[in-house]
Amino acid sequence: MKVRVETYEGHGGVDMLRRLYFDGREIEVSSNLDQWHGADYRYFKVKDADGNLYVLRHDEGLADWDLIMFQSEEALERNHHSQGFDDSA
């Protein structure tokens, strides 16, 4: 899914994501978790204030952004508990 992304220059001049825009929605990025380079793209893993997880792919040559993965906070918690983690202790 094509998205529009607003970035800012973080510590050391590294690009960080600030906001995502898609489907008429504006998503405020609360945490930049990771970024890495692939063969032809740069990837970013971020979370929003609700805890939802997004992975985006950036084609730096074309300046195109794609949302390649989304996982809701609810699904993250279900997955966490199904793997035997217990946060109640």
C-alpha atoms as a PDB file:
ATOM      1  CA  MET A   1       0.000   0.000   0.000  1.00  0.00           C
ATOM      2  CA  LYS A   2       1.391   3.388  -0.968  1.00  0.00           C
ATOM      3  CA  VAL A   3       1.820   5.843   1.893  1.00  0.00           C
ATOM      4  CA  ARG A   4       3.060   9.355   2.357  1.00  0.00           C
ATOM      5  CA  VAL A   5       5.642   9.780   5.094  1.00  0.00           C
ATOM      6  CA  GLU A   6       6.853  12.799   7.037  1.00  0.00           C
ATOM      7  CA  THR A   7      10.408  12.468   8.356  1.00  0.00           C
ATOM      8  CA  TYR A   8      12.828  14.456  10.461  1.00  0.00           C
ATOM      9  CA  GLU A   9      16.562  14.331  10.988  1.00  0.00           C
ATOM     10  CA  GLY A  10      17.359  12.443  14.162  1.00  0.00           C
ATOM     11  CA  HIS A  11      20.537  12.161  16.187  1.00  0.00           C
ATOM     12  CA  GLY A  12      23.578  11.840  13.949  1.00  0.00           C
ATOM     13  CA  GLY A  13      21.650  12.941  10.851  1.00  0.00           C
ATOM     14  CA  VAL A  14      19.666   9.687  10.603  1.00  0.00           C
ATOM     15  CA  ASP A  15      16.202   9.907   8.989  1.00  0.00           C
ATOM     16  CA  MET A  16      13.408   9.199  11.474  1.00  0.00           C
ATOM     17  CA  LEU A  17       9.698   8.837  10.719  1.00  0.00           C
ATOM     18  CA  ARG A  18       7.291  11.357  12.270  1.00  0.00           C
ATOM     19  CA  ARG A  19       3.922  10.706  10.564  1.00  0.00           C
ATOM     20  CA  LEU A  20       2.314   8.301   8.098  1.00  0.00           C
ATOM     21  CA  TYR A  21      -0.589   9.193   5.813  1.00  0.00           C
ATOM     22  CA  PHE A  22      -2.746   6.578   4.089  1.00  0.00           C
ATOM     23  CA  ASP A  23      -6.423   5.805   3.527  1.00  0.00           C
ATOM     24  CA  GLY A  24      -7.298   9.339   4.619  1.00  0.00           C
ATOM     25  CA  ARG A  25      -5.676   8.745   8.012  1.00  0.00           C
ATOM     26  CA  GLU A  26      -2.817  10.481   9.763  1.00  0.00           C
ATOM     27  CA  ILE A  27      -0.732   8.263  12.054  1.00  0.00           C
ATOM     28  CA  GLU A  28       1.644   9.880  14.548  1.00  0.00           C
ATOM     29  CA  VAL A  29       4.777   7.769  15.005  1.00  0.00           C
ATOM     30  CA  SER A  30       5.650   7.440  18.693  1.00  0.00           C
ATOM     31  CA  SER A  31       8.666   5.105  18.400  1.00  0.00           C
ATOM     32  CA  ASN A  32      11.216   4.520  15.668  1.00  0.00           C
ATOM     33  CA  LEU A  33      12.218   0.954  16.537  1.00  0.00           C
ATOM     34  CA  ASP A  34      14.576  -0.091  13.757  1.00  0.00           C
ATOM     35  CA  GLN A  35      15.746   0.580  10.224  1.00  0.00           C
ATOM     36  CA  TRP A  36      17.869  -1.407   7.831  1.00  0.00           C
ATOM     37  CA  HIS A  37      18.953  -1.537   4.207  1.00  0.00           C
ATOM     38  CA  GLY A  38      17.870  -4.249   1.811  1.00  0.00           C
ATOM     39  CA  ALA A  39      19.154  -4.873  -1.711  1.00  0.00           C
ATOM     40  CA  ASP A  40      17.128  -2.081  -3.316  1.00  0.00           C
ATOM     41  CA  TYR A  41      15.191  -0.524  -0.441  1.00  0.00           C
ATOM     42  CA  ARG A  42      15.496   0.912   3.042  1.00  0.00           C
ATOM     43  CA  TYR A  43      13.139  -0.452   5.703  1.00  0.00           C
ATOM     44  CA  PHE A  44      11.691   1.227   8.798  1.00  0.00           C
ATOM     45  CA  LYS A  45       9.935  -0.414  11.768  1.00  0.00           C
ATOM     46  CA  VAL A  46       7.841   1.986  13.868  1.00  0.00           C
ATOM     47  CA  LYS A  47       5.021   2.053  16.424  1.00  0.00           C
ATOM     48  CA  ASP A  48       2.199   4.519  16.905  1.00  0.00           C
ATOM     49  CA  ALA A  49       0.817   5.818  20.223  1.00  0.00           C
ATOM     50  CA  ASP A  50      -1.711   2.951  20.346  1.00  0.00           C
ATOM     51  CA  GLY A  51       1.093   0.379  20.139  1.00  0.00           C
ATOM     52  CA  ASN A  52       0.362  -0.683  16.561  1.00  0.00           C
ATOM     53  CA  LEU A  53       3.413  -1.866  14.616  1.00  0.00           C
ATOM     54  CA  TYR A  54       4.245  -0.765  11.045  1.00  0.00           C
ATOM     55  CA  VAL A  55       7.035  -1.811   8.673  1.00  0.00           C
ATOM     56  CA  LEU A  56       7.600   0.509   5.722  1.00  0.00           C
ATOM     57  CA  ARG A  57       9.773   0.156   2.635  1.00  0.00           C
ATOM     58  CA  HIS A  58      11.388   3.215   1.080  1.00  0.00           C
ATOM     59  CA  ASP A  59      12.646   3.280  -2.494  1.00  0.00           C
ATOM     60  CA  GLU A  60      15.144   6.107  -2.130  1.00  0.00           C
ATOM     61  CA  GLY A  61      15.702   6.381  -5.899  1.00  0.00           C
ATOM     62  CA  LEU A  62      12.010   6.943  -6.625  1.00  0.00           C
ATOM     63  CA  ALA A  63      11.143   8.514  -3.244  1.00  0.00           C
ATOM     64  CA  ASP A  64       8.268   5.993  -2.937  1.00  0.00           C
ATOM     65  CA  TRP A  65       7.021   4.611   0.380  1.00  0.00           C
ATOM     66  CA  ASP A  66       5.062   1.366   0.839  1.00  0.00           C
ATOM     67  CA  LEU A  67       3.439  -0.058   3.953  1.00  0.00           C
ATOM     68  CA  ILE A  68       4.490  -3.702   3.844  1.00  0.00           C
ATOM     69  CA  MET A  69       3.343  -4.876   7.279  1.00  0.00           C
ATOM     70  CA  PHE A  70       0.877  -3.798   9.955  1.00  0.00           C
ATOM     71  CA  GLN A  71       0.146  -5.527  13.253  1.00  0.00           C
ATOM     72  CA  SER A  72      -2.327  -4.162  15.780  1.00  0.00           C
ATOM     73  CA  GLU A  73      -1.461  -3.868  19.465  1.00  0.00           C
ATOM     74  CA  GLU A  74      -4.171  -6.438  20.185  1.00  0.00           C
ATOM     75  CA  ALA A  75      -2.566  -8.958  17.818  1.00  0.00           C
ATOM     76  CA  LEU A  76       0.874  -8.259  19.307  1.00  0.00           C
ATOM     77  CA  GLU A  77      -0.471  -8.996  22.799  1.00  0.00           C
ATOM     78  CA  ARG A  78      -2.225 -12.183  21.628  1.00  0.00           C
ATOM     79  CA  ASN A  79       0.992 -13.362  19.988  1.00  0.00           C
ATOM     80  CA  HIS A  80       2.990 -12.496  23.111  1.00  0.00           C
ATOM     81  CA  HIS A  81       0.649 -14.523  25.361  1.00  0.00           C
ATOM     82  CA  SER A  82       0.358 -17.464  22.935  1.00  0.00           C
ATOM     83  CA  GLN A  83       4.140 -17.873  23.127  1.00  0.00           C
ATOM     84  CA  GLY A  84       3.884 -18.486  26.863  1.00  0.00           C
ATOM     85  CA  PHE A  85       4.837 -15.060  28.195  1.00  0.00           C
ATOM     86  CA  ASP A  86       2.947 -14.050  31.326  1.00  0.00           C
ATOM     87  CA  ASP A  87       3.022 -10.359  32.230  1.00  0.00           C
ATOM     88  CA  SER A  88       0.944 -10.827  35.393  1.00  0.00           C
ATOM     89  CA  ALA A  89       3.886 -11.987  37.537  1.00  0.00           C
END
